[in-house]
Amino acid sequence: MGTKISSYSSSQYLLSCTYYMLWFISLFWMSCSSTVNLAPSSPPIPQVNSLLVLPEQRSIPDNIRSVQFFSSSQASSPLVTARLGSNDRLVLRFDELSEISGMFRIHFSHRNKDWTQSNLPATWFMNTTNQRIVQGGSKNQSNSIPFHSYDIQFSLRDLEFLTSGFYFIHVSDYTTGIELFSLPFALTEQRGTLELDGETLYNKGNLGAAVDRIFAEFNFPEFVDMPVFDLSFQVLQDGFLPKAVLARGKDFSDEKVAKFHLEESQSYPANTRYYGLNLSTFSLSNQEVLEYEESDELPQITLREDFISFSDTPYTLQSMYGNPSSRITARYAMINFRFNPMGTGPNYDDELFVVGDFNQWSENKQHKMKWNPELRLFEAQALLKEGTYRYSYATRNGHDLDVIELGSSLTKENQWYTGILFYRDPNLQYDRILYIGKLQLSP
């Protein structure tokens, strides 16, 4: 049975309004009594130490796996991007580890350029009801753990978004109303023209590594009256949204042209690399697999060890969610990652993690590496579905995760940059996205 999407009917909407009106009246009445302690209306969003999860974003829970989220026109974009008013579709896929089919509510929120929630009410950024009901997941046909798969597709024409900018898509449990997770995306107008360029500065980064600076030239449309105050430019490296920076370098001396650049202190490290993992098949014939133990429920797979400084690969443009298989017969397995620190010993025993497309590049106690003194390797296990993924090993530098420390090179590597041109609407006071462009800087 395929995934079904429906929006609220008018009767459901009136019922909902009545419920919330009664709830508000009762809340006001209780607030007048000093003897009542009110609980929060919704659970707080837990803070996750992640290279990918934004401060106000709810991370994916353990019972939701193999999430994919992309635009039909740019399936490989590291930032999910669609053009406002186009025929693009937003595609959301995920598995729920459950023997029974679930039911979910989905809604959208408009965000500022720093990803805090904007002041726009839903009726100002959408011309339809801001709620969809999803049900009818497909039960897996493999011998793996029980799960249901959901393939949800939203046409921008049907959603009728009215404004550009950053957004979250929110997925909640239908029965309890508890939000399960949220994911970011961007709607752009692609108005004006944006040209991106970059330069690599050698021996300017940490330990003498190379760094990249990005430059932008934007020919802005006629309706922009005060570009000095209303235009800004943000740069994103390799899809890691929390590390995006607003360019401090600005030049508005040419008529109808705005120029931006990253100052040297804002430069991005140019030596980032990641490991690639091809698990399209679970078998010993897969060159990634060292040991394979079949099971009726959950295969156990040990990967060949990763070596510090040798086996990682340059960044390639792709989704930040990996590419788990969508086949109805695709299986899950417990994957054992092994990392060889090349004789440095258990120096990272308290702060080494495997992070990647499969866990939102987040510090997770389940994916903490443990030192194996017999093999002199770090090991950690993760539940993965057949597919392809990127990952790395991260240390904790204070509170932040650091994947550079264990990288293989101080020299320039292939990097992708996303440039986002914002316009602060002077009337409605929200951040429009006039243009999004991409730039590859290769060695």
Protein backbone atom coordinates (compact mmCIF):
# COMPACT_ATOMS: atom_id res chain seq x y z
CA MET A 1 0.00 0.00 0.00
CA GLY A 2 1.45 3.35 -1.04
CA THR A 3 1.85 6.42 1.15
CA LYS A 4 -1.27 8.61 1.26
CA ILE A 5 -1.26 12.36 1.84
CA SER A 6 -4.30 14.40 2.73
CA SER A 7 -4.95 17.91 4.05
CA TYR A 8 -7.39 18.94 6.74
CA SER A 9 -11.05 19.04 5.70
CA SER A 10 -13.13 22.11 6.66
CA SER A 11 -14.91 20.17 9.42
CA GLN A 12 -11.60 18.99 10.84
CA TYR A 13 -10.33 22.54 10.72
CA LEU A 14 -13.38 23.91 12.62
CA LEU A 15 -13.06 21.13 15.18
CA SER A 16 -9.38 21.96 15.62
CA CYS A 17 -10.15 25.67 16.04
CA THR A 18 -12.83 24.88 18.64
CA TYR A 19 -10.44 22.64 20.54
CA TYR A 20 -7.69 25.24 20.66
CA MET A 21 -10.14 27.98 21.69
CA LEU A 22 -11.33 25.85 24.64
CA TRP A 23 -7.71 24.98 25.46
CA PHE A 24 -6.75 28.67 25.47
CA ILE A 25 -9.70 29.58 27.74
CA SER A 26 -8.81 26.81 30.19
CA LEU A 27 -5.16 27.83 30.11
CA PHE A 28 -6.10 31.44 30.87
CA TRP A 29 -8.35 30.32 33.76
CA MET A 30 -5.62 28.14 35.24
CA SER A 31 -3.07 30.95 34.96
CA CYS A 32 -5.23 33.05 37.28
CA SER A 33 -4.70 30.54 40.08
CA SER A 34 -1.44 30.64 42.02
CA THR A 35 -1.88 26.99 42.97
CA VAL A 36 -1.50 25.60 39.44
CA ASN A 37 1.90 24.78 37.89
CA LEU A 38 1.64 24.71 34.11
CA ALA A 39 3.72 22.24 32.10
CA PRO A 40 5.24 23.36 28.78
CA SER A 41 2.84 22.98 25.86
CA SER A 42 5.45 21.01 23.92
CA PRO A 43 8.69 19.27 24.87
CA PRO A 44 11.80 21.42 24.43
CA ILE A 45 14.08 20.74 21.48
CA PRO A 46 17.15 18.88 22.77
CA GLN A 47 20.51 20.35 21.86
CA VAL A 48 22.50 17.96 19.66
CA ASN A 49 26.23 18.22 19.07
CA SER A 50 26.16 17.99 15.29
CA LEU A 51 27.83 19.22 12.12
CA LEU A 52 24.44 19.27 10.39
CA VAL A 53 21.58 19.86 12.86
CA LEU A 54 20.57 23.50 13.39
CA PRO A 55 19.85 24.96 16.87
CA GLU A 56 16.03 25.03 16.47
CA GLN A 57 15.83 21.83 14.45
CA ARG A 58 14.54 18.60 16.04
CA SER A 59 16.95 15.77 15.22
CA ILE A 60 15.83 12.41 13.85
CA PRO A 61 14.91 9.86 16.60
CA ASP A 62 16.26 6.31 16.75
CA ASN A 63 13.06 4.69 15.48
CA ILE A 64 13.20 6.72 12.23
CA ARG A 65 15.87 5.53 9.80
CA SER A 66 17.15 6.00 6.24
CA VAL A 67 15.77 9.51 5.83
CA GLN A 68 16.03 11.07 2.40
CA PHE A 69 14.92 14.61 1.62
CA PHE A 70 15.51 16.34 -1.70
CA SER A 71 14.05 18.48 -4.45
CA SER A 72 13.05 16.75 -7.68
CA SER A 73 15.09 19.24 -9.72
CA GLN A 74 18.25 19.07 -7.56
CA ALA A 75 18.38 15.63 -5.97
CA SER A 76 22.11 15.87 -5.22
CA SER A 77 22.14 19.37 -3.73
CA PRO A 78 23.68 19.48 -0.22
CA LEU A 79 21.10 22.16 0.69
CA VAL A 80 17.60 21.04 -0.30
CA THR A 81 16.61 23.78 -2.75
CA ALA A 82 13.56 24.43 -4.92
CA ARG A 83 12.46 27.41 -6.98
CA LEU A 84 9.42 29.32 -5.76
CA GLY A 85 6.45 28.91 -8.10
CA SER A 86 8.09 26.09 -10.10
CA ASN A 87 6.93 22.55 -10.83
CA ASP A 88 9.49 21.16 -8.38
CA ARG A 89 8.51 18.48 -5.89
CA LEU A 90 9.80 18.04 -2.37
CA VAL A 91 10.46 14.33 -1.76
CA LEU A 92 10.63 12.93 1.77
CA ARG A 93 11.40 9.25 2.38
CA PHE A 94 12.00 7.46 5.65
CA ASP A 95 11.59 4.13 7.43
CA GLU A 96 9.88 3.69 10.77
CA LEU A 97 11.12 0.69 12.75
CA SER A 98 7.72 -0.72 13.58
CA GLU A 99 5.57 -3.76 12.75
CA ILE A 100 2.49 -1.59 12.19
CA SER A 101 1.90 1.23 9.75
CA GLY A 102 2.07 4.72 11.24
CA MET A 103 0.24 7.97 10.71
CA PHE A 104 1.92 11.38 10.68
CA ARG A 105 1.13 15.09 10.53
CA ILE A 106 3.35 17.31 8.40
CA HIS A 107 3.51 21.09 8.44
CA PHE A 108 5.97 23.83 7.44
CA SER A 109 7.49 26.83 9.20
CA HIS A 110 9.16 29.87 7.67
CA ARG A 111 12.60 30.81 9.04
CA ASN A 112 14.90 33.83 9.15
CA LYS A 113 18.34 33.69 7.56
CA ASP A 114 19.75 32.54 10.93
CA TRP A 115 17.11 29.74 10.98
CA THR A 116 15.14 31.23 13.88
CA GLN A 117 11.40 31.24 13.21
CA SER A 118 10.21 34.27 11.28
CA ASN A 119 7.24 36.46 12.26
CA LEU A 120 5.23 35.52 9.17
CA PRO A 121 1.95 33.74 9.97
CA ALA A 122 1.25 30.62 7.93
CA THR A 123 -1.36 32.37 5.78
CA TRP A 124 1.33 34.80 4.61
CA PHE A 125 3.77 32.16 3.36
CA MET A 126 1.29 29.48 2.19
CA ASN A 127 -1.95 29.80 0.26
CA THR A 128 -3.23 26.40 1.42
CA THR A 129 -3.87 24.74 4.78
CA ASN A 130 -0.52 24.24 6.48
CA GLN A 131 -1.06 20.63 7.47
CA ARG A 132 -0.94 17.28 5.69
CA ILE A 133 -1.82 13.83 7.02
CA VAL A 134 0.41 10.93 5.91
CA GLN A 135 -0.47 7.26 6.26
CA GLY A 136 -0.13 3.94 4.49
CA GLY A 137 3.54 2.99 4.74
CA SER A 138 4.82 -0.03 2.83
CA LYS A 139 5.90 -3.00 4.94
CA ASN A 140 9.34 -4.33 4.10
CA GLN A 141 9.62 -7.66 2.29
CA SER A 142 13.06 -8.66 3.57
CA ASN A 143 14.25 -10.91 6.40
CA SER A 144 15.58 -7.95 8.33
CA ILE A 145 14.08 -6.14 11.31
CA PRO A 146 10.42 -5.07 10.84
CA PHE A 147 9.90 -1.59 9.38
CA HIS A 148 7.54 0.43 7.20
CA SER A 149 8.74 2.74 4.43
CA TYR A 150 7.16 6.07 3.50
CA ASP A 151 7.60 7.90 0.19
CA ILE A 152 5.97 11.34 0.43
CA GLN A 153 6.01 13.82 -2.43
CA PHE A 154 4.77 17.40 -2.26
CA SER A 155 4.23 19.46 -5.40
CA LEU A 156 5.10 23.12 -4.91
CA ARG A 157 2.09 23.93 -7.05
CA ASP A 158 -0.17 22.10 -4.58
CA LEU A 159 1.49 23.56 -1.49
CA GLU A 160 1.24 27.08 -2.93
CA PHE A 161 4.13 28.68 -1.09
CA LEU A 162 3.90 32.48 -1.34
CA THR A 163 7.34 33.56 -0.13
CA SER A 164 10.94 32.55 -0.62
CA GLY A 165 13.39 31.95 2.24
CA PHE A 166 14.49 29.21 4.60
CA TYR A 167 11.94 26.66 5.80
CA PHE A 168 11.57 23.63 8.07
CA ILE A 169 9.39 20.67 7.25
CA HIS A 170 8.05 19.22 10.54
CA VAL A 171 6.97 15.59 10.96
CA SER A 172 4.80 14.75 14.00
CA ASP A 173 3.09 11.64 15.32
CA TYR A 174 -0.59 11.87 14.40
CA THR A 175 -1.92 10.32 17.63
CA THR A 176 0.12 12.20 20.22
CA GLY A 177 0.94 15.35 18.25
CA ILE A 178 4.59 15.06 19.36
CA GLU A 179 7.05 16.33 16.77
CA LEU A 180 9.39 13.55 15.68
CA PHE A 181 11.87 15.46 13.53
CA SER A 182 12.29 18.49 11.29
CA LEU A 183 14.43 19.09 8.21
CA PRO A 184 15.62 22.34 6.56
CA PHE A 185 15.16 23.47 2.97
CA ALA A 186 15.27 26.67 0.92
CA LEU A 187 12.91 28.26 -1.59
CA THR A 188 14.63 30.68 -3.95
CA GLU A 189 13.29 33.23 -6.45
CA GLN A 190 16.36 33.20 -8.78
CA ARG A 191 15.92 36.89 -9.58
CA GLY A 192 18.83 38.98 -10.73
CA THR A 193 22.14 37.29 -11.61
CA LEU A 194 24.75 35.93 -9.22
CA GLU A 195 28.35 35.13 -10.15
CA LEU A 196 30.55 33.24 -7.69
CA ASP A 197 34.32 32.96 -7.63
CA GLY A 198 36.95 31.89 -5.12
CA GLU A 199 40.61 31.82 -4.28
CA THR A 200 42.72 29.43 -2.25
CA LEU A 201 45.21 30.82 0.26
CA TYR A 202 48.00 28.40 1.09
CA ASN A 203 49.66 28.04 4.51
CA LYS A 204 46.99 30.28 6.08
CA GLY A 205 44.95 27.71 7.98
CA ASN A 206 45.48 25.52 11.03
CA LEU A 207 48.94 23.87 10.97
CA GLY A 208 49.64 25.52 7.62
CA ALA A 209 46.62 24.08 5.77
CA ALA A 210 45.07 25.81 2.76
CA VAL A 211 41.88 27.89 3.11
CA ASP A 212 39.26 29.10 0.61
CA ARG A 213 37.76 32.57 0.24
CA ILE A 214 34.55 33.11 -1.73
CA PHE A 215 33.57 36.19 -3.77
CA ALA A 216 30.15 37.10 -5.16
CA GLU A 217 28.86 39.69 -7.63
CA PHE A 218 25.10 40.20 -7.71
CA ASN A 219 23.26 42.26 -10.32
CA PHE A 220 20.12 42.99 -8.36
CA PRO A 221 16.59 43.57 -9.69
CA GLU A 222 14.91 46.97 -9.92
CA PHE A 223 12.75 46.62 -6.81
CA VAL A 224 15.83 46.65 -4.52
CA ASP A 225 15.96 50.31 -3.46
CA MET A 226 18.43 50.20 -0.56
CA PRO A 227 20.94 47.41 -1.25
CA VAL A 228 23.36 48.61 1.44
CA PHE A 229 20.79 47.85 4.13
CA ASP A 230 18.63 45.14 2.56
CA LEU A 231 21.05 42.77 0.79
CA SER A 232 23.32 40.22 2.46
CA PHE A 233 25.27 37.18 1.30
CA GLN A 234 25.82 33.86 3.07
CA VAL A 235 28.31 31.10 2.20
CA LEU A 236 27.87 27.43 2.98
CA GLN A 237 30.62 24.82 2.59
CA ASP A 238 29.80 21.23 1.60
CA GLY A 239 26.25 21.33 2.98
CA PHE A 240 27.04 21.86 6.68
CA LEU A 241 24.46 24.50 7.55
CA PRO A 242 25.54 25.31 11.13
CA LYS A 243 28.92 26.44 9.77
CA ALA A 244 27.45 28.91 7.24
CA VAL A 245 28.81 32.47 7.49
CA LEU A 246 27.55 35.89 6.45
CA ALA A 247 30.15 37.68 4.32
CA ARG A 248 31.56 40.74 6.05
CA GLY A 249 33.23 42.14 2.92
CA LYS A 250 30.80 44.38 0.96
CA ASP A 251 31.02 46.82 -1.93
CA PHE A 252 28.07 48.79 -3.35
CA SER A 253 30.03 51.38 -5.33
CA ASP A 254 28.82 50.16 -8.76
CA GLU A 255 25.29 50.97 -9.84
CA LYS A 256 22.83 48.04 -9.52
CA VAL A 257 25.69 45.72 -8.47
CA ALA A 258 26.41 44.36 -4.99
CA LYS A 259 29.77 42.70 -4.32
CA PHE A 260 30.47 40.48 -1.32
CA HIS A 261 33.45 38.46 -0.14
CA LEU A 262 34.62 36.41 2.81
CA GLU A 263 37.36 38.14 4.74
CA GLU A 264 40.47 36.09 5.39
CA SER A 265 39.37 35.42 8.96
CA GLN A 266 36.13 33.92 7.57
CA SER A 267 37.87 31.56 5.15
CA TYR A 268 36.91 27.89 5.06
CA PRO A 269 39.45 25.06 5.46
CA ALA A 270 40.20 23.72 1.98
CA ASN A 271 41.42 20.25 3.00
CA THR A 272 38.20 18.54 4.12
CA ARG A 273 37.78 14.91 3.00
CA TYR A 274 35.34 12.11 3.81
CA TYR A 275 35.14 8.34 3.60
CA GLY A 276 32.77 6.77 1.09
CA LEU A 277 30.84 3.58 1.90
CA ASN A 278 29.18 1.45 -0.78
CA LEU A 279 26.85 -1.07 0.84
CA SER A 280 24.64 -1.68 -2.17
CA THR A 281 24.86 -5.38 -1.33
CA PHE A 282 25.41 -7.22 1.95
CA SER A 283 27.84 -9.99 1.03
CA LEU A 284 31.51 -10.96 1.11
CA SER A 285 31.71 -10.11 -2.59
CA ASN A 286 31.47 -6.46 -1.55
CA GLN A 287 35.03 -5.15 -1.38
CA GLU A 288 34.10 -2.92 1.58
CA VAL A 289 33.20 -5.97 3.69
CA LEU A 290 35.79 -7.92 5.69
CA GLU A 291 33.48 -10.26 7.62
CA TYR A 292 29.86 -11.18 7.02
CA GLU A 293 27.62 -13.17 9.33
CA GLU A 294 24.15 -13.98 7.99
CA SER A 295 21.13 -13.99 10.27
CA ASP A 296 17.39 -14.39 9.77
CA GLU A 297 16.86 -11.05 11.49
CA LEU A 298 19.94 -8.86 11.33
CA PRO A 299 23.19 -9.57 9.42
CA GLN A 300 26.43 -8.63 11.18
CA ILE A 301 29.00 -6.95 8.94
CA THR A 302 32.56 -5.88 9.74
CA LEU A 303 34.10 -3.34 7.37
CA ARG A 304 37.71 -3.21 6.34
CA GLU A 305 39.58 -0.84 8.60
CA ASP A 306 40.02 2.84 7.80
CA PHE A 307 43.52 4.25 8.17
CA ILE A 308 44.29 7.74 9.34
CA SER A 309 45.71 9.83 6.48
CA PHE A 310 45.22 7.30 3.69
CA SER A 311 41.79 5.96 2.81
CA ASP A 312 39.49 9.00 2.76
CA THR A 313 38.35 10.64 -0.50
CA PRO A 314 37.70 14.25 -1.66
CA TYR A 315 34.22 15.70 -1.25
CA THR A 316 31.69 15.08 -4.03
CA LEU A 317 28.47 17.05 -4.45
CA GLN A 318 25.59 15.03 -3.01
CA SER A 319 22.72 14.99 -0.54
CA MET A 320 23.56 15.18 3.17
CA TYR A 321 21.29 12.19 3.83
CA GLY A 322 23.16 9.56 1.84
CA ASN A 323 21.45 7.23 -0.61
CA PRO A 324 19.78 4.35 1.28
CA SER A 325 18.02 1.88 -0.97
CA SER A 326 14.30 2.39 -1.58
CA ARG A 327 13.74 -1.21 -2.73
CA ILE A 328 10.97 -3.00 -0.85
CA THR A 329 13.39 -5.91 -0.28
CA ALA A 330 16.27 -3.77 1.02
CA ARG A 331 17.67 -4.98 4.33
CA TYR A 332 19.28 -3.51 7.42
CA ALA A 333 22.47 -4.80 8.99
CA MET A 334 24.60 -3.98 12.01
CA ILE A 335 27.77 -2.44 10.59
CA ASN A 336 31.03 -2.51 12.53
CA PHE A 337 33.28 0.48 11.68
CA ARG A 338 36.99 0.12 12.43
CA PHE A 339 39.49 2.97 12.57
CA ASN A 340 43.27 2.54 12.70
CA PRO A 341 44.99 5.61 14.28
CA MET A 342 48.36 4.44 12.89
CA GLY A 343 50.12 3.79 16.17
CA THR A 344 48.86 6.82 18.10
CA GLY A 345 47.07 4.56 20.58
CA PRO A 346 43.84 5.23 22.48
CA ASN A 347 44.33 9.01 22.69
CA TYR A 348 40.76 9.66 21.54
CA ASP A 349 39.09 7.06 23.75
CA ASP A 350 36.76 9.58 25.39
CA GLU A 351 35.97 11.74 22.37
CA LEU A 352 36.09 9.84 19.06
CA PHE A 353 32.88 9.24 17.11
CA VAL A 354 31.85 7.92 13.71
CA VAL A 355 29.61 10.56 12.08
CA GLY A 356 27.98 10.55 8.66
CA ASP A 357 24.95 10.69 6.42
CA PHE A 358 23.30 7.99 8.53
CA ASN A 359 23.26 9.94 11.84
CA GLN A 360 23.03 13.58 10.69
CA TRP A 361 26.77 13.97 11.30
CA SER A 362 26.04 14.03 15.03
CA GLU A 363 27.76 12.97 18.20
CA ASN A 364 25.84 9.92 19.38
CA LYS A 365 26.72 7.72 22.33
CA GLN A 366 25.71 4.69 20.25
CA HIS A 367 28.34 5.61 17.68
CA LYS A 368 31.17 6.40 20.08
CA MET A 369 34.37 4.56 19.15
CA LYS A 370 35.78 2.09 21.65
CA TRP A 371 39.39 1.01 21.76
CA ASN A 372 40.08 -2.68 21.02
CA PRO A 373 43.49 -3.37 22.63
CA GLU A 374 43.90 -6.75 20.90
CA LEU A 375 43.42 -5.38 17.39
CA ARG A 376 44.72 -1.92 18.30
CA LEU A 377 41.73 -0.38 16.54
CA PHE A 378 38.80 1.83 17.43
CA GLU A 379 35.41 0.21 16.79
CA ALA A 380 31.77 1.32 16.73
CA GLN A 381 28.55 -0.18 15.39
CA ALA A 382 25.71 1.46 13.47
CA LEU A 383 22.43 0.12 12.06
CA LEU A 384 22.45 0.83 8.30
CA LYS A 385 20.28 -0.01 5.35
CA GLU A 386 21.68 -1.17 2.03
CA GLY A 387 22.85 1.88 0.08
CA THR A 388 25.73 4.35 -0.20
CA TYR A 389 26.89 6.83 2.43
CA ARG A 390 29.64 9.26 3.39
CA TYR A 391 31.14 9.40 6.85
CA SER A 392 34.15 10.48 8.86
CA TYR A 393 35.65 10.19 12.32
CA ALA A 394 35.27 13.23 14.53
CA THR A 395 36.94 14.32 17.73
CA ARG A 396 35.36 16.68 20.21
CA ASN A 397 37.17 20.01 20.31
CA GLY A 398 35.62 21.61 23.37
CA HIS A 399 31.93 21.32 22.53
CA ASP A 400 32.39 21.26 18.73
CA LEU A 401 33.01 18.23 16.56
CA ASP A 402 36.16 18.34 14.46
CA VAL A 403 36.60 16.16 11.36
CA ILE A 404 39.63 18.07 10.10
CA GLU A 405 42.03 16.79 12.76
CA LEU A 406 41.87 13.24 11.41
CA GLY A 407 41.89 14.31 7.74
CA SER A 408 44.58 13.17 5.37
CA SER A 409 45.97 16.34 3.88
CA LEU A 410 47.09 19.89 4.56
CA THR A 411 46.89 20.71 0.88
CA LYS A 412 43.96 21.89 -1.22
CA GLU A 413 41.12 19.41 -1.86
CA ASN A 414 37.92 19.53 -3.90
CA GLN A 415 35.24 21.59 -2.08
CA TRP A 416 31.73 22.75 -2.96
CA TYR A 417 30.30 26.08 -1.86
CA THR A 418 26.71 27.34 -1.87
CA GLY A 419 26.14 31.09 -2.07
CA ILE A 420 22.80 32.49 -0.84
CA LEU A 421 21.72 36.06 -1.62
CA PHE A 422 19.20 37.44 0.91
CA TYR A 423 16.91 40.44 0.58
CA ARG A 424 15.31 41.82 3.75
CA ASP A 425 11.78 42.69 2.65
CA PRO A 426 11.26 46.28 3.89
CA ASN A 427 7.47 45.90 4.12
CA LEU A 428 6.93 42.50 5.75
CA GLN A 429 10.35 42.32 7.46
CA TYR A 430 11.37 38.81 6.48
CA ASP A 431 14.38 37.34 4.65
CA ARG A 432 13.66 36.58 1.00
CA ILE A 433 16.15 34.50 -0.99
CA LEU A 434 16.71 36.16 -4.34
CA TYR A 435 19.35 33.76 -5.63
CA ILE A 436 21.21 30.54 -4.75
CA GLY A 437 24.33 29.53 -6.66
CA LYS A 438 27.00 26.83 -6.37
CA LEU A 439 30.75 26.90 -6.85
CA GLN A 440 33.32 24.11 -7.02
CA LEU A 441 36.91 24.90 -6.02
CA SER A 442 39.26 22.13 -7.12
CA PRO A 443 43.02 21.76 -6.55
